[in-house]
Protein backbone atom coordinates (compact mmCIF):
# COMPACT_ATOMS: atom_id res chain seq x y z
CA MET A 1 0.00 0.00 0.00
CA TRP A 2 1.21 3.50 -0.81
CA HIS A 3 1.92 5.78 2.15
CA PRO A 4 1.72 9.48 1.19
CA GLU A 5 3.40 10.45 4.47
CA GLU A 6 6.70 9.40 2.89
CA ARG A 7 6.51 12.42 0.56
CA ARG A 8 5.45 14.96 3.16
CA LYS A 9 9.00 15.89 4.02
CA LYS A 10 10.32 19.43 3.62
CA GLY A 11 10.29 20.37 -0.05
CA ALA A 12 8.37 17.25 -1.10
CA ASP A 13 5.95 19.34 -3.18
CA ARG A 14 8.84 20.13 -5.54
CA LEU A 15 9.60 16.45 -6.07
CA LYS A 16 8.20 14.69 -9.08
CA GLN A 17 6.17 11.53 -8.62
CA LEU A 18 5.92 8.98 -11.43
CA TYR A 19 2.37 7.78 -12.07
CA PHE A 20 1.14 4.88 -14.24
CA ALA A 21 -2.14 5.63 -16.05
CA TYR A 22 -4.04 2.77 -17.71
CA GLY A 23 -7.54 4.23 -18.15
CA SER A 24 -8.99 7.63 -18.96
CA ASN A 25 -5.89 9.39 -17.61
CA MET A 26 -4.02 8.25 -20.72
CA ASP A 27 -5.99 10.95 -22.59
CA LEU A 28 -3.59 13.88 -23.01
CA ASP A 29 -6.36 16.50 -23.15
CA GLN A 30 -8.05 15.17 -20.03
CA MET A 31 -4.78 15.16 -18.08
CA ALA A 32 -3.94 18.69 -19.32
CA TYR A 33 -7.24 19.80 -17.77
CA ARG A 34 -6.89 17.84 -14.52
CA CYS A 35 -3.15 18.21 -14.00
CA PRO A 36 -1.76 21.04 -16.18
CA LYS A 37 1.80 20.53 -14.93
CA ALA A 38 1.86 16.75 -15.51
CA GLU A 39 4.27 15.58 -18.20
CA VAL A 40 4.26 12.39 -20.25
CA VAL A 41 7.44 10.42 -19.68
CA GLU A 42 6.84 7.41 -21.97
CA THR A 43 4.58 4.44 -22.60
CA VAL A 44 5.21 1.50 -20.30
CA ARG A 45 3.89 -1.97 -19.43
CA LEU A 46 2.77 -3.39 -16.10
CA GLU A 47 3.36 -7.16 -16.05
CA GLY A 48 1.23 -9.53 -13.98
CA TYR A 49 -1.97 -7.44 -14.02
CA ARG A 50 -5.16 -7.41 -16.08
CA LEU A 51 -7.50 -4.55 -16.92
CA THR A 52 -11.20 -4.78 -16.08
CA PHE A 53 -14.15 -2.45 -15.61
CA ALA A 54 -16.09 -2.42 -12.36
CA ALA A 55 -18.24 -0.39 -9.94
CA ALA A 56 -21.90 0.53 -9.92
CA GLY A 57 -23.39 2.17 -13.00
CA SER A 58 -21.07 2.44 -15.98
CA GLY A 59 -17.89 0.50 -15.35
CA LEU A 60 -14.67 2.33 -14.52
CA ALA A 61 -11.19 1.04 -15.32
CA THR A 62 -9.20 -0.82 -12.71
CA ILE A 63 -6.55 -3.50 -12.64
CA PHE A 64 -6.03 -6.68 -10.64
CA PRO A 65 -3.16 -9.16 -10.35
CA GLU A 66 -3.24 -11.98 -12.90
CA GLU A 67 -0.20 -14.05 -13.79
CA GLY A 68 0.67 -13.99 -17.48
CA SER A 69 -1.30 -10.80 -18.18
CA HIS A 70 -0.12 -7.24 -18.73
CA VAL A 71 -1.50 -3.73 -18.96
CA ASP A 72 -0.02 -1.05 -21.22
CA GLY A 73 -0.27 2.57 -20.18
CA VAL A 74 1.29 6.00 -19.88
CA LEU A 75 3.95 6.98 -17.37
CA TRP A 76 3.39 10.55 -16.16
CA SER A 77 5.60 12.81 -14.07
CA LEU A 78 3.43 14.60 -11.49
CA THR A 79 4.03 17.57 -9.24
CA GLY A 80 2.71 17.40 -5.68
CA ASP A 81 -0.25 19.55 -6.72
CA CYS A 82 -1.00 17.21 -9.64
CA GLU A 83 -0.96 14.20 -7.34
CA LYS A 84 -3.37 15.93 -4.92
CA SER A 85 -5.67 16.76 -7.84
CA LEU A 86 -5.65 13.13 -8.99
CA ASP A 87 -6.26 11.93 -5.42
CA LEU A 88 -9.47 13.98 -5.39
CA TYR A 89 -10.53 12.92 -8.88
CA GLU A 90 -9.89 9.22 -8.19
CA GLY A 91 -11.66 9.28 -4.82
CA TYR A 92 -8.53 8.26 -2.93
CA PRO A 93 -8.47 6.49 -0.48
CA ASP A 94 -12.10 5.30 -0.48
CA PHE A 95 -12.86 4.53 -4.15
CA TYR A 96 -9.34 3.98 -5.49
CA ASP A 97 -6.30 3.09 -3.41
CA LYS A 98 -2.77 4.13 -4.33
CA GLN A 99 -0.04 1.51 -4.61
CA GLU A 100 3.57 1.51 -5.69
CA ILE A 101 4.25 -0.80 -8.62
CA THR A 102 7.09 -1.50 -11.05
CA VAL A 103 6.53 -0.96 -14.77
CA LYS A 104 8.88 -1.62 -17.69
CA ASN A 105 9.62 0.67 -20.59
CA LYS A 106 10.15 -0.54 -24.16
CA GLY A 107 13.86 -1.00 -23.45
CA GLY A 108 13.06 -3.31 -20.52
CA ARG A 109 14.13 -0.84 -17.81
CA GLU A 110 12.17 -1.21 -14.58
CA ILE A 111 10.64 1.98 -13.16
CA LYS A 112 8.81 2.46 -9.85
CA ALA A 113 5.57 4.43 -10.03
CA ILE A 114 2.28 4.87 -8.24
CA VAL A 115 -0.99 3.54 -9.60
CA TYR A 116 -4.63 3.91 -8.57
CA ILE A 117 -6.44 0.58 -8.09
CA MET A 118 -10.13 0.34 -7.26
CA THR A 119 -10.79 -0.77 -3.69
CA LYS A 120 -12.33 -4.20 -3.15
CA ASP A 121 -15.60 -2.69 -1.91
CA TYR A 122 -16.26 -1.23 -5.38
CA MET A 123 -14.71 -4.00 -7.46
CA GLN A 124 -17.45 -6.57 -6.78
CA ASN A 125 -19.34 -6.24 -10.06
CA PHE A 126 -18.14 -6.25 -13.64
CA ASN A 127 -19.81 -3.47 -15.59
CA PRO A 128 -18.91 -2.49 -19.14
CA PRO A 129 -17.76 1.11 -19.50
CA GLY A 130 -20.04 3.83 -20.81
CA ARG A 131 -19.52 4.92 -24.40
CA SER A 132 -17.98 8.35 -23.69
CA TYR A 133 -15.67 6.96 -20.99
CA LEU A 134 -14.48 4.17 -23.31
CA THR A 135 -14.02 6.70 -26.14
CA GLY A 136 -11.72 8.77 -23.90
CA ILE A 137 -9.62 5.72 -23.02
CA LEU A 138 -9.31 4.72 -26.68
CA LYS A 139 -8.38 8.31 -27.57
CA GLY A 140 -5.57 8.15 -25.00
CA CYS A 141 -4.39 4.86 -26.50
CA ARG A 142 -4.22 6.37 -29.99
CA GLN A 143 -2.48 9.53 -28.73
CA ASN A 144 0.22 7.41 -27.09
CA GLN A 145 0.49 4.62 -29.70
CA ILE A 146 -0.92 2.01 -27.30
CA PRO A 147 -2.92 -0.88 -28.81
CA THR A 148 -6.69 -0.46 -28.39
CA GLU A 149 -7.70 -4.12 -28.70
CA PRO A 150 -6.81 -5.04 -25.08
CA ILE A 151 -9.06 -2.19 -23.88
CA LEU A 152 -11.94 -3.34 -26.09
CA LYS A 153 -11.42 -6.94 -24.94
CA ALA A 154 -11.49 -5.89 -21.26
CA ALA A 155 -14.71 -3.95 -21.87
CA ARG A 156 -16.47 -7.18 -22.86
CA LYS A 157 -14.44 -9.69 -20.82
CA PRO A 158 -16.28 -11.90 -18.31
CA PRO A 159 -16.01 -11.03 -14.63
CA VAL A 160 -12.75 -11.50 -12.75
CA PRO A 161 -12.56 -14.08 -9.95
CA GLY A 162 -14.61 -12.78 -7.05
CA GLN A 163 -16.65 -10.42 -9.24
CA THR A 164 -20.22 -11.00 -10.28
CA GLN A 165 -21.81 -9.72 -13.44
CA LYS A 166 -24.75 -7.44 -12.80
CA SER A 167 -27.73 -9.09 -14.40
CA GLN A 168 -31.28 -8.10 -15.10
CA PRO A 169 -33.95 -9.86 -13.05
CA LYS A 170 -35.53 -12.75 -14.92
CA LYS A 171 -39.12 -12.29 -15.98
CA GLN A 172 -41.52 -14.47 -14.06
CA ARG A 173 -43.45 -16.94 -16.19
CA LYS A 174 -47.15 -17.32 -15.64
CA ALA A 175 -48.38 -20.79 -14.80
CA GLY A 176 -48.62 -22.88 -17.95
CA GLN A 177 -46.59 -20.40 -20.04
CA GLU A 178 -43.80 -21.93 -22.11
CA ARG A 179 -40.37 -20.46 -22.61
């Protein structure tokens, strides 16, 4: 688990924090609005995790550990103010938690970064993303030359272990009515 107290030392707001974005925060325009001082570092890969969409209503992007899987995304450099802004946007620490992970760049170099992962309380149900949310994620993929197919696959992928798919109640049949 990520402990923000580690960065609250004198002058910590001048330090840059590396952040791995795998969902809508890959969209350059969206991040320019949310975090004007954030800078793209490069595209990277997180090994051993899979992307899914969860939460009530339209599904929101999150990741979970899964051996043999990977998630591509954007590595951002954040100021302290940018990180605080993202904390608010992501609903940290209640909706999304912050963790430190290790990503790899295209050259294979390992880089430590923070990532927001949906808390277990909200990750119970698989829900496909809404159209505009998915469009923003795909836009971010195209802007950063990240393949879109894994995102589209995750948007229709069956639930992860421990998740249930929200389903519509079955219609009751009247006595004697056939299927």
